[in-house]
Amino acid sequence: METFFGHTKDELEYEDCETLRELNERINSYISFYNSKRCQWT
């Protein structure tokens, strides 16, 4: 979990979100990307 949150802070553009809904949508999109498309070492 710590690795995931570290990558999230580095890779997710969240500073310009104006609403919690927009932030939630970006986080959900990032989780989908992280689980299915992002290259992993293992």
PDB file of N, CA and C in Angstrom:
ATOM      1  N   MET A   1       0.820  -1.196   0.000  1.00  0.00           N
ATOM      2  CA  MET A   1       0.000   0.000   0.000  1.00  0.00           C
ATOM      3  C   MET A   1       0.862   1.256   0.000  1.00  0.00           C
ATOM      4  N   GLU A   2       1.957   1.241   0.756  1.00  0.00           N
ATOM      5  CA  GLU A   2       2.804   2.432   0.808  1.00  0.00           C
ATOM      6  C   GLU A   2       3.383   2.747  -0.563  1.00  0.00           C
ATOM      7  N   THR A   3       3.755   1.719  -1.313  1.00  0.00           N
ATOM      8  CA  THR A   3       4.288   1.932  -2.653  1.00  0.00           C
ATOM      9  C   THR A   3       3.232   2.536  -3.565  1.00  0.00           C
ATOM     10  N   PHE A   4       2.017   2.012  -3.484  1.00  0.00           N
ATOM     11  CA  PHE A   4       0.932   2.552  -4.306  1.00  0.00           C
ATOM     12  C   PHE A   4       0.715   4.028  -4.014  1.00  0.00           C
ATOM     13  N   PHE A   5       0.640   4.401  -2.735  1.00  0.00           N
ATOM     14  CA  PHE A   5       0.405   5.799  -2.398  1.00  0.00           C
ATOM     15  C   PHE A   5       1.579   6.678  -2.811  1.00  0.00           C
ATOM     16  N   GLY A   6       2.792   6.153  -2.718  1.00  0.00           N
ATOM     17  CA  GLY A   6       3.952   6.904  -3.177  1.00  0.00           C
ATOM     18  C   GLY A   6       3.882   7.192  -4.668  1.00  0.00           C
ATOM     19  N   HIS A   7       3.534   6.162  -5.453  1.00  0.00           N
ATOM     20  CA  HIS A   7       3.389   6.360  -6.896  1.00  0.00           C
ATOM     21  C   HIS A   7       2.232   7.310  -7.198  1.00  0.00           C
ATOM     22  N   THR A   8       1.160   7.182  -6.447  1.00  0.00           N
ATOM     23  CA  THR A   8       0.005   8.051  -6.669  1.00  0.00           C
ATOM     24  C   THR A   8       0.393   9.512  -6.494  1.00  0.00           C
ATOM     25  N   LYS A   9       1.104   9.821  -5.437  1.00  0.00           N
ATOM     26  CA  LYS A   9       1.500  11.207  -5.200  1.00  0.00           C
ATOM     27  C   LYS A   9       2.431  11.717  -6.286  1.00  0.00           C
ATOM     28  N   ASP A  10       3.275  10.837  -6.837  1.00  0.00           N
ATOM     29  CA  ASP A  10       4.212  11.252  -7.877  1.00  0.00           C
ATOM     30  C   ASP A  10       3.562  11.367  -9.247  1.00  0.00           C
ATOM     31  N   GLU A  11       2.620  10.480  -9.568  1.00  0.00           N
ATOM     32  CA  GLU A  11       2.108  10.373 -10.932  1.00  0.00           C
ATOM     33  C   GLU A  11       0.742  11.010 -11.159  1.00  0.00           C
ATOM     34  N   LEU A  12      -0.039  11.205 -10.133  1.00  0.00           N
ATOM     35  CA  LEU A  12      -1.404  11.713 -10.303  1.00  0.00           C
ATOM     36  C   LEU A  12      -1.418  13.235 -10.222  1.00  0.00           C
ATOM     37  N   GLU A  13      -2.020  13.854 -11.222  1.00  0.00           N
ATOM     38  CA  GLU A  13      -2.195  15.305 -11.226  1.00  0.00           C
ATOM     39  C   GLU A  13      -3.452  15.628 -10.421  1.00  0.00           C
ATOM     40  N   TYR A  14      -3.289  16.071  -9.192  1.00  0.00           N
ATOM     41  CA  TYR A  14      -4.439  16.319  -8.327  1.00  0.00           C
ATOM     42  C   TYR A  14      -4.487  17.736  -7.786  1.00  0.00           C
ATOM     43  N   GLU A  15      -3.429  18.498  -7.968  1.00  0.00           N
ATOM     44  CA  GLU A  15      -3.366  19.835  -7.381  1.00  0.00           C
ATOM     45  C   GLU A  15      -4.405  20.792  -7.949  1.00  0.00           C
ATOM     46  N   ASP A  16      -4.797  20.595  -9.197  1.00  0.00           N
ATOM     47  CA  ASP A  16      -5.723  21.537  -9.835  1.00  0.00           C
ATOM     48  C   ASP A  16      -7.187  21.109  -9.725  1.00  0.00           C
ATOM     49  N   CYS A  17      -7.476  20.072  -8.958  1.00  0.00           N
ATOM     50  CA  CYS A  17      -8.867  19.651  -8.767  1.00  0.00           C
ATOM     51  C   CYS A  17      -9.609  20.714  -7.962  1.00  0.00           C
ATOM     52  N   GLU A  18     -10.802  21.041  -8.415  1.00  0.00           N
ATOM     53  CA  GLU A  18     -11.580  22.071  -7.748  1.00  0.00           C
ATOM     54  C   GLU A  18     -12.672  21.509  -6.850  1.00  0.00           C
ATOM     55  N   THR A  19     -13.063  20.261  -7.085  1.00  0.00           N
ATOM     56  CA  THR A  19     -14.106  19.649  -6.262  1.00  0.00           C
ATOM     57  C   THR A  19     -13.668  18.258  -5.814  1.00  0.00           C
ATOM     58  N   LEU A  20     -14.307  17.775  -4.772  1.00  0.00           N
ATOM     59  CA  LEU A  20     -14.022  16.427  -4.308  1.00  0.00           C
ATOM     60  C   LEU A  20     -14.455  15.389  -5.345  1.00  0.00           C
ATOM     61  N   ARG A  21     -15.514  15.687  -6.068  1.00  0.00           N
ATOM     62  CA  ARG A  21     -15.988  14.772  -7.116  1.00  0.00           C
ATOM     63  C   ARG A  21     -14.932  14.608  -8.214  1.00  0.00           C
ATOM     64  N   GLU A  22     -14.345  15.716  -8.638  1.00  0.00           N
ATOM     65  CA  GLU A  22     -13.300  15.665  -9.655  1.00  0.00           C
ATOM     66  C   GLU A  22     -12.091  14.885  -9.150  1.00  0.00           C
ATOM     67  N   LEU A  23     -11.713  15.109  -7.913  1.00  0.00           N
ATOM     68  CA  LEU A  23     -10.601  14.370  -7.312  1.00  0.00           C
ATOM     69  C   LEU A  23     -10.917  12.884  -7.249  1.00  0.00           C
ATOM     70  N   ASN A  24     -12.125  12.541  -6.846  1.00  0.00           N
ATOM     71  CA  ASN A  24     -12.538  11.144  -6.769  1.00  0.00           C
ATOM     72  C   ASN A  24     -12.476  10.479  -8.145  1.00  0.00           C
ATOM     73  N   GLU A  25     -12.921  11.173  -9.190  1.00  0.00           N
ATOM     74  CA  GLU A  25     -12.874  10.629 -10.545  1.00  0.00           C
ATOM     75  C   GLU A  25     -11.446  10.393 -11.003  1.00  0.00           C
ATOM     76  N   ARG A  26     -10.564  11.323 -10.691  1.00  0.00           N
ATOM     77  CA  ARG A  26      -9.153  11.152 -11.075  1.00  0.00           C
ATOM     78  C   ARG A  26      -8.513   9.994 -10.329  1.00  0.00           C
ATOM     79  N   ILE A  27      -8.819   9.856  -9.061  1.00  0.00           N
ATOM     80  CA  ILE A  27      -8.271   8.746  -8.279  1.00  0.00           C
ATOM     81  C   ILE A  27      -8.775   7.419  -8.823  1.00  0.00           C
ATOM     82  N   ASN A  28     -10.068   7.327  -9.116  1.00  0.00           N
ATOM     83  CA  ASN A  28     -10.622   6.091  -9.672  1.00  0.00           C
ATOM     84  C   ASN A  28      -9.990   5.761 -11.024  1.00  0.00           C
ATOM     85  N   SER A  29      -9.782   6.765 -11.855  1.00  0.00           N
ATOM     86  CA  SER A  29      -9.134   6.541 -13.147  1.00  0.00           C
ATOM     87  C   SER A  29      -7.699   6.072 -12.953  1.00  0.00           C
ATOM     88  N   TYR A  30      -6.997   6.659 -11.992  1.00  0.00           N
ATOM     89  CA  TYR A  30      -5.615   6.259 -11.736  1.00  0.00           C
ATOM     90  C   TYR A  30      -5.550   4.822 -11.220  1.00  0.00           C
ATOM     91  N   ILE A  31      -6.466   4.444 -10.357  1.00  0.00           N
ATOM     92  CA  ILE A  31      -6.486   3.074  -9.838  1.00  0.00           C
ATOM     93  C   ILE A  31      -6.691   2.094 -10.984  1.00  0.00           C
ATOM     94  N   SER A  32      -7.597   2.404 -11.888  1.00  0.00           N
ATOM     95  CA  SER A  32      -7.829   1.549 -13.047  1.00  0.00           C
ATOM     96  C   SER A  32      -6.569   1.453 -13.904  1.00  0.00           C
ATOM     97  N   PHE A  33      -5.928   2.583 -14.165  1.00  0.00           N
ATOM     98  CA  PHE A  33      -4.680   2.606 -14.921  1.00  0.00           C
ATOM     99  C   PHE A  33      -3.596   1.799 -14.212  1.00  0.00           C
ATOM    100  N   TYR A  34      -3.455   1.988 -12.924  1.00  0.00           N
ATOM    101  CA  TYR A  34      -2.417   1.325 -12.139  1.00  0.00           C
ATOM    102  C   TYR A  34      -2.590  -0.190 -12.168  1.00  0.00           C
ATOM    103  N   ASN A  35      -3.814  -0.650 -12.087  1.00  0.00           N
ATOM    104  CA  ASN A  35      -4.090  -2.089 -12.030  1.00  0.00           C
ATOM    105  C   ASN A  35      -4.040  -2.784 -13.380  1.00  0.00           C
ATOM    106  N   SER A  36      -4.285  -2.059 -14.468  1.00  0.00           N
ATOM    107  CA  SER A  36      -4.394  -2.756 -15.742  1.00  0.00           C
ATOM    108  C   SER A  36      -3.398  -2.349 -16.822  1.00  0.00           C
ATOM    109  N   LYS A  37      -2.868  -1.135 -16.783  1.00  0.00           N
ATOM    110  CA  LYS A  37      -2.038  -0.678 -17.891  1.00  0.00           C
ATOM    111  C   LYS A  37      -0.625  -0.269 -17.498  1.00  0.00           C
ATOM    112  N   ARG A  38      -0.416   0.076 -16.252  1.00  0.00           N
ATOM    113  CA  ARG A  38       0.890   0.565 -15.823  1.00  0.00           C
ATOM    114  C   ARG A  38       1.878  -0.590 -15.757  1.00  0.00           C
ATOM    115  N   CYS A  39       3.083  -0.357 -16.296  1.00  0.00           N
ATOM    116  CA  CYS A  39       4.118  -1.385 -16.250  1.00  0.00           C
ATOM    117  C   CYS A  39       4.562  -1.614 -14.814  1.00  0.00           C
ATOM    118  N   GLN A  40       4.713  -2.872 -14.459  1.00  0.00           N
ATOM    119  CA  GLN A  40       5.147  -3.264 -13.118  1.00  0.00           C
ATOM    120  C   GLN A  40       6.454  -4.054 -13.223  1.00  0.00           C
ATOM    121  N   TRP A  41       7.245  -4.031 -12.169  1.00  0.00           N
ATOM    122  CA  TRP A  41       8.481  -4.802 -12.164  1.00  0.00           C
ATOM    123  C   TRP A  41       8.209  -6.294 -12.107  1.00  0.00           C
ATOM    124  N   THR A  42       7.140  -6.667 -11.385  1.00  0.00           N
ATOM    125  CA  THR A  42       6.844  -8.099 -11.242  1.00  0.00           C
ATOM    126  C   THR A  42       5.471  -8.420 -11.760  1.00  0.00           C
TER     127      THR A  42
END
